[in-house]
Amino acid sequence: GKNGAGKSTLVGIISGLVAPSSGEIWINGQKYTSLS
């Protein structure tokens, strides 16, 4: 995506560096609202 499209935020959420405002993260069938 272009710069500022949201890629870094998305990667930060997956790696636990950024907490989402809403939504769910599922890893190997286990649900999280955010990761550390």
PDB file of all heavy atoms in Angstrom:
ATOM      1  N   GLY A   1       0.847  -1.183   0.000  1.00  0.00           N
ATOM      2  CA  GLY A   1       0.000   0.000   0.000  1.00  0.00           C
ATOM      3  C   GLY A   1       0.879   1.227   0.000  1.00  0.00           C
ATOM      4  O   GLY A   1       2.073   1.151   0.306  1.00  0.00           O
ATOM      5  N   LYS A   2       0.313   2.352  -0.357  1.00  0.00           N
ATOM      6  CA  LYS A   2       1.073   3.597  -0.359  1.00  0.00           C
ATOM      7  C   LYS A   2       1.487   3.968   1.061  1.00  0.00           C
ATOM      8  O   LYS A   2       0.935   3.447   2.035  1.00  0.00           O
ATOM      9  CB  LYS A   2       0.235   4.734  -0.959  1.00  0.00           C
ATOM     10  CG  LYS A   2      -0.110   4.529  -2.421  1.00  0.00           C
ATOM     11  CD  LYS A   2      -0.751   5.769  -3.014  1.00  0.00           C
ATOM     12  CE  LYS A   2      -2.106   6.075  -2.426  1.00  0.00           C
ATOM     13  NZ  LYS A   2      -2.766   7.225  -3.073  1.00  0.00           N
ATOM     14  N   ASN A   3       2.449   4.873   1.177  1.00  0.00           N
ATOM     15  CA  ASN A   3       2.821   5.378   2.492  1.00  0.00           C
ATOM     16  C   ASN A   3       1.614   6.021   3.152  1.00  0.00           C
ATOM     17  O   ASN A   3       0.899   6.810   2.531  1.00  0.00           O
ATOM     18  CB  ASN A   3       3.945   6.420   2.357  1.00  0.00           C
ATOM     19  CG  ASN A   3       5.271   5.787   2.038  1.00  0.00           C
ATOM     20  OD1 ASN A   3       5.855   5.099   2.869  1.00  0.00           O
ATOM     21  ND2 ASN A   3       5.748   5.988   0.825  1.00  0.00           N
ATOM     22  N   GLY A   4       1.376   5.662   4.423  1.00  0.00           N
ATOM     23  CA  GLY A   4       0.234   6.194   5.146  1.00  0.00           C
ATOM     24  C   GLY A   4      -1.048   5.423   4.925  1.00  0.00           C
ATOM     25  O   GLY A   4      -2.112   5.808   5.430  1.00  0.00           O
ATOM     26  N   ALA A   5      -0.977   4.316   4.188  1.00  0.00           N
ATOM     27  CA  ALA A   5      -2.187   3.541   3.903  1.00  0.00           C
ATOM     28  C   ALA A   5      -2.685   2.781   5.122  1.00  0.00           C
ATOM     29  O   ALA A   5      -3.866   2.447   5.218  1.00  0.00           O
ATOM     30  CB  ALA A   5      -1.931   2.557   2.759  1.00  0.00           C
ATOM     31  N   GLY A   6      -1.778   2.478   6.077  1.00  0.00           N
ATOM     32  CA  GLY A   6      -2.167   1.747   7.279  1.00  0.00           C
ATOM     33  C   GLY A   6      -1.405   0.452   7.489  1.00  0.00           C
ATOM     34  O   GLY A   6      -1.672  -0.288   8.447  1.00  0.00           O
ATOM     35  N   LYS A   7      -0.422   0.172   6.620  1.00  0.00           N
ATOM     36  CA  LYS A   7       0.342  -1.080   6.734  1.00  0.00           C
ATOM     37  C   LYS A   7       1.077  -1.181   8.067  1.00  0.00           C
ATOM     38  O   LYS A   7       1.041  -2.226   8.729  1.00  0.00           O
ATOM     39  CB  LYS A   7       1.375  -1.200   5.607  1.00  0.00           C
ATOM     40  CG  LYS A   7       0.820  -1.170   4.205  1.00  0.00           C
ATOM     41  CD  LYS A   7       1.888  -1.465   3.184  1.00  0.00           C
ATOM     42  CE  LYS A   7       3.094  -0.566   3.294  1.00  0.00           C
ATOM     43  NZ  LYS A   7       2.799   0.860   3.079  1.00  0.00           N
ATOM     44  N   SER A   8       1.752  -0.114   8.462  1.00  0.00           N
ATOM     45  CA  SER A   8       2.538  -0.142   9.700  1.00  0.00           C
ATOM     46  C   SER A   8       1.644  -0.366  10.916  1.00  0.00           C
ATOM     47  O   SER A   8       2.008  -1.097  11.845  1.00  0.00           O
ATOM     48  CB  SER A   8       3.328   1.165   9.866  1.00  0.00           C
ATOM     49  OG  SER A   8       4.270   1.303   8.828  1.00  0.00           O
ATOM     50  N   THR A   9       0.463   0.260  10.912  1.00  0.00           N
ATOM     51  CA  THR A   9      -0.485   0.053  12.007  1.00  0.00           C
ATOM     52  C   THR A   9      -0.936  -1.396  12.055  1.00  0.00           C
ATOM     53  O   THR A   9      -1.013  -2.012  13.131  1.00  0.00           O
ATOM     54  CB  THR A   9      -1.698   0.982  11.844  1.00  0.00           C
ATOM     55  OG1 THR A   9      -1.248   2.340  11.783  1.00  0.00           O
ATOM     56  CG2 THR A   9      -2.659   0.820  13.003  1.00  0.00           C
ATOM     57  N   LEU A  10      -1.230  -1.952  10.895  1.00  0.00           N
ATOM     58  CA  LEU A  10      -1.671  -3.343  10.807  1.00  0.00           C
ATOM     59  C   LEU A  10      -0.603  -4.295  11.335  1.00  0.00           C
ATOM     60  O   LEU A  10      -0.876  -5.191  12.141  1.00  0.00           O
ATOM     61  CB  LEU A  10      -2.010  -3.681   9.357  1.00  0.00           C
ATOM     62  CG  LEU A  10      -2.622  -5.060   9.084  1.00  0.00           C
ATOM     63  CD1 LEU A  10      -3.960  -5.194   9.776  1.00  0.00           C
ATOM     64  CD2 LEU A  10      -2.774  -5.274   7.586  1.00  0.00           C
ATOM     65  N   VAL A  11       0.631  -4.064  10.922  1.00  0.00           N
ATOM     66  CA  VAL A  11       1.748  -4.901  11.374  1.00  0.00           C
ATOM     67  C   VAL A  11       1.957  -4.732  12.880  1.00  0.00           C
ATOM     68  O   VAL A  11       2.239  -5.694  13.599  1.00  0.00           O
ATOM     69  CB  VAL A  11       3.033  -4.546  10.597  1.00  0.00           C
ATOM     70  CG1 VAL A  11       4.253  -5.171  11.249  1.00  0.00           C
ATOM     71  CG2 VAL A  11       2.917  -5.006   9.151  1.00  0.00           C
ATOM     72  N   GLY A  12       1.803  -3.501  13.367  1.00  0.00           N
ATOM     73  CA  GLY A  12       1.944  -3.246  14.799  1.00  0.00           C
ATOM     74  C   GLY A  12       0.908  -3.996  15.619  1.00  0.00           C
ATOM     75  O   GLY A  12       1.204  -4.506  16.712  1.00  0.00           O
ATOM     76  N   ILE A  13      -0.309  -4.109  15.102  1.00  0.00           N
ATOM     77  CA  ILE A  13      -1.372  -4.846  15.799  1.00  0.00           C
ATOM     78  C   ILE A  13      -1.048  -6.339  15.837  1.00  0.00           C
ATOM     79  O   ILE A  13      -1.187  -6.997  16.871  1.00  0.00           O
ATOM     80  CB  ILE A  13      -2.726  -4.589  15.107  1.00  0.00           C
ATOM     81  CG1 ILE A  13      -3.193  -3.158  15.411  1.00  0.00           C
ATOM     82  CG2 ILE A  13      -3.782  -5.597  15.566  1.00  0.00           C
ATOM     83  CD1 ILE A  13      -4.394  -2.706  14.609  1.00  0.00           C
ATOM     84  N   ILE A  14      -0.571  -6.883  14.714  1.00  0.00           N
ATOM     85  CA  ILE A  14      -0.250  -8.313  14.654  1.00  0.00           C
ATOM     86  C   ILE A  14       0.906  -8.661  15.585  1.00  0.00           C
ATOM     87  O   ILE A  14       0.916  -9.714  16.225  1.00  0.00           O
ATOM     88  CB  ILE A  14       0.097  -8.720  13.206  1.00  0.00           C
ATOM     89  CG1 ILE A  14      -1.133  -8.558  12.302  1.00  0.00           C
ATOM     90  CG2 ILE A  14       0.583 -10.166  13.152  1.00  0.00           C
ATOM     91  CD1 ILE A  14      -0.831  -8.748  10.822  1.00  0.00           C
ATOM     92  N   SER A  15       1.894  -7.764  15.691  1.00  0.00           N
ATOM     93  CA  SER A  15       3.086  -8.049  16.494  1.00  0.00           C
ATOM     94  C   SER A  15       2.948  -7.631  17.949  1.00  0.00           C
ATOM     95  O   SER A  15       3.877  -7.809  18.742  1.00  0.00           O
ATOM     96  CB  SER A  15       4.306  -7.354  15.879  1.00  0.00           C
ATOM     97  OG  SER A  15       4.109  -5.954  15.818  1.00  0.00           O
ATOM     98  N   GLY A  16       1.802  -7.043  18.326  1.00  0.00           N
ATOM     99  CA  GLY A  16       1.570  -6.663  19.716  1.00  0.00           C
ATOM    100  C   GLY A  16       2.097  -5.302  20.102  1.00  0.00           C
ATOM    101  O   GLY A  16       2.076  -4.929  21.278  1.00  0.00           O
ATOM    102  N   LEU A  17       2.547  -4.509  19.118  1.00  0.00           N
ATOM    103  CA  LEU A  17       3.082  -3.183  19.414  1.00  0.00           C
ATOM    104  C   LEU A  17       1.990  -2.117  19.434  1.00  0.00           C
ATOM    105  O   LEU A  17       2.187  -1.036  19.991  1.00  0.00           O
ATOM    106  CB  LEU A  17       4.150  -2.812  18.377  1.00  0.00           C
ATOM    107  CG  LEU A  17       5.363  -3.741  18.314  1.00  0.00           C
ATOM    108  CD1 LEU A  17       6.267  -3.352  17.146  1.00  0.00           C
ATOM    109  CD2 LEU A  17       6.144  -3.693  19.622  1.00  0.00           C
ATOM    110  N   VAL A  18       0.852  -2.405  18.815  1.00  0.00           N
ATOM    111  CA  VAL A  18      -0.263  -1.456  18.733  1.00  0.00           C
ATOM    112  C   VAL A  18      -1.547  -2.174  19.156  1.00  0.00           C
ATOM    113  O   VAL A  18      -1.807  -3.297  18.710  1.00  0.00           O
ATOM    114  CB  VAL A  18      -0.422  -0.909  17.297  1.00  0.00           C
ATOM    115  CG1 VAL A  18      -1.651  -0.010  17.195  1.00  0.00           C
ATOM    116  CG2 VAL A  18       0.826  -0.156  16.863  1.00  0.00           C
ATOM    117  N   ALA A  19      -2.322  -1.520  20.016  1.00  0.00           N
ATOM    118  CA  ALA A  19      -3.610  -2.093  20.440  1.00  0.00           C
ATOM    119  C   ALA A  19      -4.715  -1.559  19.541  1.00  0.00           C
ATOM    120  O   ALA A  19      -4.840  -0.341  19.360  1.00  0.00           O
ATOM    121  CB  ALA A  19      -3.896  -1.727  21.892  1.00  0.00           C
ATOM    122  N   PRO A  20      -5.534  -2.435  18.952  1.00  0.00           N
ATOM    123  CA  PRO A  20      -6.638  -1.944  18.110  1.00  0.00           C
ATOM    124  C   PRO A  20      -7.709  -1.265  18.944  1.00  0.00           C
ATOM    125  O   PRO A  20      -7.870  -1.556  20.136  1.00  0.00           O
ATOM    126  CB  PRO A  20      -7.162  -3.221  17.451  1.00  0.00           C
ATOM    127  CG  PRO A  20      -6.777  -4.318  18.391  1.00  0.00           C
ATOM    128  CD  PRO A  20      -5.491  -3.902  19.027  1.00  0.00           C
ATOM    129  N   SER A  21      -8.467  -0.357  18.339  1.00  0.00           N
ATOM    130  CA  SER A  21      -9.584   0.294  19.023  1.00  0.00           C
ATOM    131  C   SER A  21     -10.775  -0.642  19.124  1.00  0.00           C
ATOM    132  O   SER A  21     -11.562  -0.565  20.075  1.00  0.00           O
ATOM    133  CB  SER A  21      -9.978   1.577  18.278  1.00  0.00           C
ATOM    134  OG  SER A  21      -8.869   2.458  18.190  1.00  0.00           O
ATOM    135  N   SER A  22     -10.917  -1.522  18.149  1.00  0.00           N
ATOM    136  CA  SER A  22     -11.992  -2.523  18.168  1.00  0.00           C
ATOM    137  C   SER A  22     -11.623  -3.650  17.213  1.00  0.00           C
ATOM    138  O   SER A  22     -10.697  -3.529  16.417  1.00  0.00           O
ATOM    139  CB  SER A  22     -13.330  -1.898  17.768  1.00  0.00           C
ATOM    140  OG  SER A  22     -13.279  -1.403  16.447  1.00  0.00           O
ATOM    141  N   GLY A  23     -12.359  -4.745  17.301  1.00  0.00           N
ATOM    142  CA  GLY A  23     -12.111  -5.882  16.431  1.00  0.00           C
ATOM    143  C   GLY A  23     -11.481  -7.050  17.171  1.00  0.00           C
ATOM    144  O   GLY A  23     -11.226  -6.980  18.384  1.00  0.00           O
ATOM    145  N   GLU A  24     -11.243  -8.127  16.437  1.00  0.00           N
ATOM    146  CA  GLU A  24     -10.711  -9.361  17.031  1.00  0.00           C
ATOM    147  C   GLU A  24      -9.484  -9.838  16.265  1.00  0.00           C
ATOM    148  O   GLU A  24      -9.385  -9.673  15.044  1.00  0.00           O
ATOM    149  CB  GLU A  24     -11.769 -10.462  16.995  1.00  0.00           C
ATOM    150  CG  GLU A  24     -13.026 -10.133  17.777  1.00  0.00           C
ATOM    151  CD  GLU A  24     -14.130 -11.169  17.569  1.00  0.00           C
ATOM    152  OE1 GLU A  24     -13.925 -12.099  16.742  1.00  0.00           O
ATOM    153  OE2 GLU A  24     -15.177 -11.047  18.226  1.00  0.00           O
ATOM    154  N   ILE A  25      -8.561 -10.457  17.022  1.00  0.00           N
ATOM    155  CA  ILE A  25      -7.382 -11.097  16.445  1.00  0.00           C
ATOM    156  C   ILE A  25      -7.441 -12.574  16.813  1.00  0.00           C
ATOM    157  O   ILE A  25      -7.536 -12.921  18.000  1.00  0.00           O
ATOM    158  CB  ILE A  25      -6.082 -10.474  17.003  1.00  0.00           C
ATOM    159  CG1 ILE A  25      -6.088  -8.947  16.841  1.00  0.00           C
ATOM    160  CG2 ILE A  25      -4.852 -11.096  16.333  1.00  0.00           C
ATOM    161  CD1 ILE A  25      -5.075  -8.238  17.715  1.00  0.00           C
ATOM    162  N   TRP A  26      -7.401 -13.438  15.817  1.00  0.00           N
ATOM    163  CA  TRP A  26      -7.451 -14.869  16.043  1.00  0.00           C
ATOM    164  C   TRP A  26      -6.121 -15.492  15.628  1.00  0.00           C
ATOM    165  O   TRP A  26      -5.659 -15.306  14.505  1.00  0.00           O
ATOM    166  CB  TRP A  26      -8.581 -15.504  15.236  1.00  0.00           C
ATOM    167  CG  TRP A  26      -9.946 -15.156  15.759  1.00  0.00           C
ATOM    168  CD1 TRP A  26     -10.616 -13.984  15.593  1.00  0.00           C
ATOM    169  CD2 TRP A  26     -10.795 -16.008  16.530  1.00  0.00           C
ATOM    170  NE1 TRP A  26     -11.836 -14.025  16.222  1.00  0.00           N
ATOM    171  CE2 TRP A  26     -11.988 -15.268  16.805  1.00  0.00           C
ATOM    172  CE3 TRP A  26     -10.691 -17.313  17.019  1.00  0.00           C
ATOM    173  CZ2 TRP A  26     -13.035 -15.792  17.545  1.00  0.00           C
ATOM    174  CZ3 TRP A  26     -11.739 -17.843  17.751  1.00  0.00           C
ATOM    175  CH2 TRP A  26     -12.901 -17.080  18.005  1.00  0.00           C
ATOM    176  N   ILE A  27      -5.500 -16.223  16.571  1.00  0.00           N
ATOM    177  CA  ILE A  27      -4.240 -16.910  16.295  1.00  0.00           C
ATOM    178  C   ILE A  27      -4.411 -18.378  16.651  1.00  0.00           C
ATOM    179  O   ILE A  27      -4.723 -18.701  17.806  1.00  0.00           O
ATOM    180  CB  ILE A  27      -3.075 -16.309  17.104  1.00  0.00           C
ATOM    181  CG1 ILE A  27      -2.949 -14.806  16.834  1.00  0.00           C
ATOM    182  CG2 ILE A  27      -1.756 -17.012  16.753  1.00  0.00           C
ATOM    183  CD1 ILE A  27      -1.944 -14.115  17.718  1.00  0.00           C
ATOM    184  N   ASN A  28      -4.248 -19.221  15.655  1.00  0.00           N
ATOM    185  CA  ASN A  28      -4.403 -20.671  15.871  1.00  0.00           C
ATOM    186  C   ASN A  28      -5.718 -21.008  16.576  1.00  0.00           C
ATOM    187  O   ASN A  28      -5.760 -21.821  17.503  1.00  0.00           O
ATOM    188  CB  ASN A  28      -3.218 -21.218  16.675  1.00  0.00           C
ATOM    189  CG  ASN A  28      -1.910 -21.063  15.924  1.00  0.00           C
ATOM    190  OD1 ASN A  28      -1.843 -21.293  14.721  1.00  0.00           O
ATOM    191  ND2 ASN A  28      -0.862 -20.660  16.632  1.00  0.00           N
ATOM    192  N   GLY A  29      -6.792 -20.300  16.182  1.00  0.00           N
ATOM    193  CA  GLY A  29      -8.108 -20.574  16.733  1.00  0.00           C
ATOM    194  C   GLY A  29      -8.405 -19.931  18.066  1.00  0.00           C
ATOM    195  O   GLY A  29      -9.495 -20.110  18.617  1.00  0.00           O
ATOM    196  N   GLN A  30      -7.470 -19.141  18.600  1.00  0.00           N
ATOM    197  CA  GLN A  30      -7.678 -18.479  19.897  1.00  0.00           C
ATOM    198  C   GLN A  30      -7.927 -16.992  19.668  1.00  0.00           C
ATOM    199  O   GLN A  30      -7.193 -16.335  18.926  1.00  0.00           O
ATOM    200  CB  GLN A  30      -6.457 -18.681  20.801  1.00  0.00           C
ATOM    201  CG  GLN A  30      -6.655 -18.155  22.216  1.00  0.00           C
ATOM    202  CD  GLN A  30      -5.510 -18.569  23.141  1.00  0.00           C
ATOM    203  OE1 GLN A  30      -4.685 -19.403  22.773  1.00  0.00           O
ATOM    204  NE2 GLN A  30      -5.477 -18.006  24.323  1.00  0.00           N
ATOM    205  N   LYS A  31      -8.965 -16.446  20.329  1.00  0.00           N
ATOM    206  CA  LYS A  31      -9.371 -15.056  20.121  1.00  0.00           C
ATOM    207  C   LYS A  31      -8.689 -14.107  21.097  1.00  0.00           C
ATOM    208  O   LYS A  31      -8.566 -14.389  22.291  1.00  0.00           O
ATOM    209  CB  LYS A  31     -10.888 -14.921  20.258  1.00  0.00           C
ATOM    210  CG  LYS A  31     -11.397 -13.506  19.941  1.00  0.00           C
ATOM    211  CD  LYS A  31     -12.902 -13.407  20.043  1.00  0.00           C
ATOM    212  CE  LYS A  31     -13.345 -13.247  21.482  1.00  0.00           C
ATOM    213  NZ  LYS A  31     -14.780 -12.921  21.603  1.00  0.00           N
ATOM    214  N   TYR A  32      -8.266 -12.939  20.582  1.00  0.00           N
ATOM    215  CA  TYR A  32      -7.709 -11.848  21.396  1.00  0.00           C
ATOM    216  C   TYR A  32      -8.351 -10.540  20.935  1.00  0.00           C
ATOM    217  O   TYR A  32      -8.638 -10.355  19.756  1.00  0.00           O
ATOM    218  CB  TYR A  32      -6.191 -11.728  21.202  1.00  0.00           C
ATOM    219  CG  TYR A  32      -5.394 -12.940  21.627  1.00  0.00           C
ATOM    220  CD1 TYR A  32      -5.158 -13.982  20.726  1.00  0.00           C
ATOM    221  CD2 TYR A  32      -4.883 -13.045  22.918  1.00  0.00           C
ATOM    222  CE1 TYR A  32      -4.426 -15.094  21.107  1.00  0.00           C
ATOM    223  CE2 TYR A  32      -4.143 -14.159  23.306  1.00  0.00           C
ATOM    224  CZ  TYR A  32      -3.923 -15.176  22.397  1.00  0.00           C
ATOM    225  OH  TYR A  32      -3.197 -16.280  22.771  1.00  0.00           O
ATOM    226  N   THR A  33      -8.554  -9.644  21.896  1.00  0.00           N
ATOM    227  CA  THR A  33      -8.982  -8.289  21.520  1.00  0.00           C
ATOM    228  C   THR A  33      -7.784  -7.402  21.251  1.00  0.00           C
ATOM    229  O   THR A  33      -7.876  -6.399  20.541  1.00  0.00           O
ATOM    230  CB  THR A  33      -9.846  -7.657  22.623  1.00  0.00           C
ATOM    231  OG1 THR A  33      -9.133  -7.701  23.876  1.00  0.00           O
ATOM    232  CG2 THR A  33     -11.163  -8.418  22.770  1.00  0.00           C
ATOM    233  N   SER A  34      -6.637  -7.761  21.822  1.00  0.00           N
ATOM    234  CA  SER A  34      -5.368  -7.098  21.518  1.00  0.00           C
ATOM    235  C   SER A  34      -4.239  -8.018  21.964  1.00  0.00           C
ATOM    236  O   SER A  34      -4.448  -8.933  22.768  1.00  0.00           O
ATOM    237  CB  SER A  34      -5.255  -5.737  22.215  1.00  0.00           C
ATOM    238  OG  SER A  34      -5.172  -5.900  23.619  1.00  0.00           O
ATOM    239  N   LEU A  35      -3.062  -7.737  21.441  1.00  0.00           N
ATOM    240  CA  LEU A  35      -1.882  -8.513  21.811  1.00  0.00           C
ATOM    241  C   LEU A  35      -0.861  -7.602  22.479  1.00  0.00           C
ATOM    242  O   LEU A  35      -0.827  -6.402  22.220  1.00  0.00           O
ATOM    243  CB  LEU A  35      -1.241  -9.151  20.572  1.00  0.00           C
ATOM    244  CG  LEU A  35      -2.067 -10.145  19.754  1.00  0.00           C
ATOM    245  CD1 LEU A  35      -1.320 -10.519  18.486  1.00  0.00           C
ATOM    246  CD2 LEU A  35      -2.374 -11.389  20.579  1.00  0.00           C
ATOM    247  N   SER A  36      -0.034  -8.173  23.315  1.00  0.00           N
ATOM    248  CA  SER A  36       1.157  -7.485  23.813  1.00  0.00           C
ATOM    249  C   SER A  36       2.350  -8.140  23.109  1.00  0.00           C
ATOM    250  O   SER A  36       2.236  -9.249  22.575  1.00  0.00           O
ATOM    251  CB  SER A  36       1.286  -7.649  25.324  1.00  0.00           C
ATOM    252  OG  SER A  36       1.567  -9.009  25.642  1.00  0.00           O
TER     253      SER A  36
END
